[in-house]
């Protein structure tokens, strides 16, 4: 394992360069880190070990002193048009809400868009529910990212498992395969 690095925020006991602990990540995430064309971005990713029972965003932020405005959630959306369904991932800051019914539906040219069922999201990504991350998504999936995520200096995202999270520069997320940065993907939560 790599020597510990210091995260830009939060209170974590165990921190490593993610590239040095790929054995702690699901195969799609580990493979994506190893094969990411943007090597500098891949090397900037930190892995922080966390309690899977505290993976819910609000509980997590309180437990690990992580600011909600630096935490991003990745959700899988099913967009339907005619008889075809397109799966896509959407990434927004934890204190916002992804506008699935308007922004996502319109951007994907769908008649209807909704959150994908949990079993579909898990089966298609090879990741655990509650830990889905934009790193390692299936080839060809659109990855819609709210511009506020990319503008955030450092962002906390899932690791592909409920145990552990990843921290990386927000701008690095725009370099992921299939990434599209949108200005109005999210609306204020509440």
Protein backbone atom coordinates (compact mmCIF):
# COMPACT_ATOMS: atom_id res chain seq x y z
CA UNK A 1 0.00 0.00 0.00
CA UNK A 2 1.02 3.57 -0.61
CA UNK A 3 2.12 5.88 2.13
CA UNK A 4 -0.75 7.97 3.48
CA UNK A 5 -1.57 11.29 1.86
CA UNK A 6 -3.31 14.22 3.49
CA UNK A 7 -6.86 14.90 2.24
CA UNK A 8 -7.91 18.51 1.51
CA UNK A 9 -10.79 18.23 4.02
CA UNK A 10 -12.38 15.83 6.48
CA UNK A 11 -11.18 13.73 9.38
CA UNK A 12 -10.14 10.30 8.09
CA UNK A 13 -7.88 7.82 9.88
CA UNK A 14 -6.77 5.96 6.75
CA UNK A 15 -5.89 7.77 3.51
CA UNK A 16 -4.07 6.38 0.47
CA UNK A 17 -3.51 7.22 -3.16
CA UNK A 18 -6.33 5.26 -4.80
CA UNK A 19 -3.97 3.92 -7.45
CA UNK A 20 -2.07 2.10 -4.69
CA UNK A 21 -5.09 0.38 -3.14
CA UNK A 22 -7.03 -0.85 -6.17
CA UNK A 23 -7.57 -4.15 -4.33
CA UNK A 24 -10.01 -2.24 -2.08
CA UNK A 25 -12.09 -1.12 -5.07
CA UNK A 26 -14.54 -3.04 -7.25
CA UNK A 27 -13.04 -4.23 -10.54
CA UNK A 28 -14.65 -1.58 -12.80
CA UNK A 29 -13.32 1.26 -10.60
CA UNK A 30 -9.84 -0.26 -10.25
CA UNK A 31 -9.64 -0.87 -14.01
CA UNK A 32 -10.80 2.67 -14.77
CA UNK A 33 -8.12 4.17 -12.51
CA UNK A 34 -5.42 2.02 -14.10
CA UNK A 35 -6.53 2.83 -17.66
CA UNK A 36 -7.66 6.46 -17.35
CA UNK A 37 -6.02 8.39 -20.19
CA UNK A 38 -5.78 11.48 -17.98
CA UNK A 39 -2.92 10.07 -15.87
CA UNK A 40 -2.45 13.19 -13.75
CA UNK A 41 -6.16 13.10 -12.84
CA UNK A 42 -5.97 9.38 -12.04
CA UNK A 43 -2.97 9.91 -9.78
CA UNK A 44 -4.73 12.74 -7.92
CA UNK A 45 -7.47 10.44 -6.59
CA UNK A 46 -7.31 9.67 -2.86
CA UNK A 47 -9.02 6.74 -1.14
CA UNK A 48 -10.30 7.32 2.40
CA UNK A 49 -11.42 4.36 4.48
CA UNK A 50 -14.86 4.85 6.02
CA UNK A 51 -17.51 2.89 7.90
CA UNK A 52 -20.10 1.45 5.45
CA UNK A 53 -22.82 1.93 8.06
CA UNK A 54 -22.19 5.67 7.83
CA UNK A 55 -22.31 5.97 4.04
CA UNK A 56 -25.52 8.05 3.96
CA UNK A 57 -24.45 11.56 2.96
CA UNK A 58 -25.76 13.46 6.01
CA UNK A 59 -24.41 10.92 8.50
CA UNK A 60 -21.13 10.67 6.61
CA UNK A 61 -20.56 14.42 6.54
CA UNK A 62 -21.22 14.74 10.26
CA UNK A 63 -19.09 11.72 11.22
CA UNK A 64 -16.06 12.61 9.09
CA UNK A 65 -16.32 16.40 9.17
CA UNK A 66 -16.75 16.50 5.40
CA UNK A 67 -18.53 19.57 4.02
CA UNK A 68 -21.75 18.75 2.10
CA UNK A 69 -20.78 21.37 -0.49
CA UNK A 70 -17.70 19.23 -1.33
CA UNK A 71 -19.63 15.93 -1.43
CA UNK A 72 -21.16 14.71 -4.68
CA UNK A 73 -23.72 11.99 -5.29
CA UNK A 74 -23.75 9.79 -8.38
CA UNK A 75 -27.10 8.36 -9.46
CA UNK A 76 -28.07 6.08 -12.33
CA UNK A 77 -30.94 7.27 -14.50
CA UNK A 78 -33.03 5.32 -17.01
CA UNK A 79 -34.16 7.47 -19.94
CA UNK A 80 -36.85 6.03 -22.22
CA UNK A 81 -37.87 6.96 -25.73
CA UNK A 82 -40.00 4.62 -27.76
CA UNK A 83 -39.01 1.08 -26.84
CA UNK A 84 -35.42 1.96 -25.97
CA UNK A 85 -33.91 2.68 -22.57
CA UNK A 86 -30.65 4.57 -22.15
CA UNK A 87 -28.80 4.32 -18.84
CA UNK A 88 -26.77 7.31 -17.77
CA UNK A 89 -25.03 8.50 -14.62
CA UNK A 90 -25.59 11.94 -13.15
CA UNK A 91 -23.35 13.70 -10.65
CA UNK A 92 -24.43 16.59 -8.46
CA UNK A 93 -23.32 18.12 -5.18
CA UNK A 94 -24.98 16.62 -2.11
CA UNK A 95 -26.77 19.84 -1.16
CA UNK A 96 -28.51 19.97 -4.57
CA UNK A 97 -31.03 17.79 -6.38
CA UNK A 98 -30.49 16.35 -9.87
CA UNK A 99 -33.30 17.55 -12.14
CA UNK A 100 -34.17 14.21 -13.69
CA UNK A 101 -37.61 15.17 -15.01
CA UNK A 102 -36.49 18.27 -16.90
CA UNK A 103 -32.73 18.66 -17.40
CA UNK A 104 -31.74 15.00 -17.71
CA UNK A 105 -34.78 13.99 -19.77
CA UNK A 106 -34.32 16.92 -22.16
CA UNK A 107 -30.55 16.46 -22.52
CA UNK A 108 -30.91 12.76 -23.31
CA UNK A 109 -33.81 13.37 -25.70
CA UNK A 110 -36.08 11.05 -23.75
CA UNK A 111 -39.83 11.01 -23.35
CA UNK A 112 -39.47 9.86 -19.74
CA UNK A 113 -36.55 9.73 -17.31
CA UNK A 114 -36.41 8.33 -13.79
CA UNK A 115 -33.94 6.92 -11.31
CA UNK A 116 -32.98 3.41 -12.41
CA UNK A 117 -34.12 0.58 -10.13
CA UNK A 118 -31.49 -0.37 -7.53
CA UNK A 119 -30.98 -3.88 -8.94
CA UNK A 120 -30.43 -2.46 -12.44
CA UNK A 121 -27.95 0.17 -11.20
CA UNK A 122 -25.97 -2.42 -9.25
CA UNK A 123 -25.98 -5.08 -11.98
CA UNK A 124 -25.03 -2.69 -14.79
CA UNK A 125 -22.25 -0.85 -12.92
CA UNK A 126 -20.74 -3.73 -10.94
CA UNK A 127 -20.77 -1.43 -7.90
CA UNK A 128 -22.60 -1.46 -4.57
CA UNK A 129 -25.75 0.58 -4.07
CA UNK A 130 -24.89 3.62 -1.98
CA UNK A 131 -21.33 3.65 -3.32
CA UNK A 132 -21.82 4.12 -7.07
CA UNK A 133 -19.13 6.36 -8.51
CA UNK A 134 -18.59 8.04 -11.88
CA UNK A 135 -15.17 6.36 -12.16
CA UNK A 136 -15.57 3.00 -13.88
CA UNK A 137 -19.00 3.35 -15.45
CA UNK A 138 -19.87 1.04 -18.34
CA UNK A 139 -18.42 2.02 -21.72
CA UNK A 140 -20.70 4.27 -23.71
CA UNK A 141 -22.73 5.60 -20.79
CA UNK A 142 -23.30 9.34 -20.72
CA UNK A 143 -21.97 10.93 -17.52
CA UNK A 144 -23.83 14.17 -16.87
CA UNK A 145 -22.06 16.42 -14.35
CA UNK A 146 -23.45 19.63 -12.90
CA UNK A 147 -21.00 22.48 -13.51
CA UNK A 148 -20.88 23.22 -9.77
CA UNK A 149 -19.18 19.84 -9.21
CA UNK A 150 -16.41 20.63 -11.69
CA UNK A 151 -15.97 24.10 -10.14
CA UNK A 152 -15.44 22.63 -6.66
CA UNK A 153 -11.71 22.45 -5.79
CA UNK A 154 -11.94 18.94 -4.28
CA UNK A 155 -14.92 16.59 -4.33
CA UNK A 156 -15.78 13.52 -2.29
CA UNK A 157 -17.48 10.74 -4.32
CA UNK A 158 -18.28 7.06 -3.86
CA UNK A 159 -15.63 4.38 -4.28
CA UNK A 160 -17.89 1.79 -5.89
CA UNK A 161 -18.42 0.19 -2.48
CA UNK A 162 -20.22 1.44 0.60
CA UNK A 163 -16.91 1.20 2.48
CA UNK A 164 -14.53 3.97 1.49
CA UNK A 165 -14.81 7.15 -0.56
CA UNK A 166 -12.68 8.88 -3.17
CA UNK A 167 -11.51 12.50 -3.10
CA UNK A 168 -10.24 14.24 -6.23
CA UNK A 169 -10.20 17.66 -7.89
CA UNK A 170 -13.66 18.52 -9.22
CA UNK A 171 -12.13 19.50 -12.57
CA UNK A 172 -10.72 15.99 -13.00
CA UNK A 173 -14.24 14.57 -13.23
CA UNK A 174 -14.76 16.38 -16.55
CA UNK A 175 -11.94 14.23 -17.98
CA UNK A 176 -13.78 10.94 -17.40
CA UNK A 177 -15.05 9.01 -20.44
CA UNK A 178 -18.51 10.15 -21.52
CA UNK A 179 -18.45 13.23 -19.26
CA UNK A 180 -20.64 16.17 -20.21
CA UNK A 181 -20.69 19.23 -17.95
CA UNK A 182 -24.10 20.91 -17.81
CA UNK A 183 -24.96 24.30 -16.28
CA UNK A 184 -28.42 23.45 -14.94
CA UNK A 185 -28.33 19.73 -14.19
CA UNK A 186 -29.16 20.37 -10.52
CA UNK A 187 -31.53 22.56 -8.58
CA UNK A 188 -31.24 23.63 -4.94
CA UNK A 189 -32.42 20.87 -2.58
CA UNK A 190 -35.31 21.58 -0.31
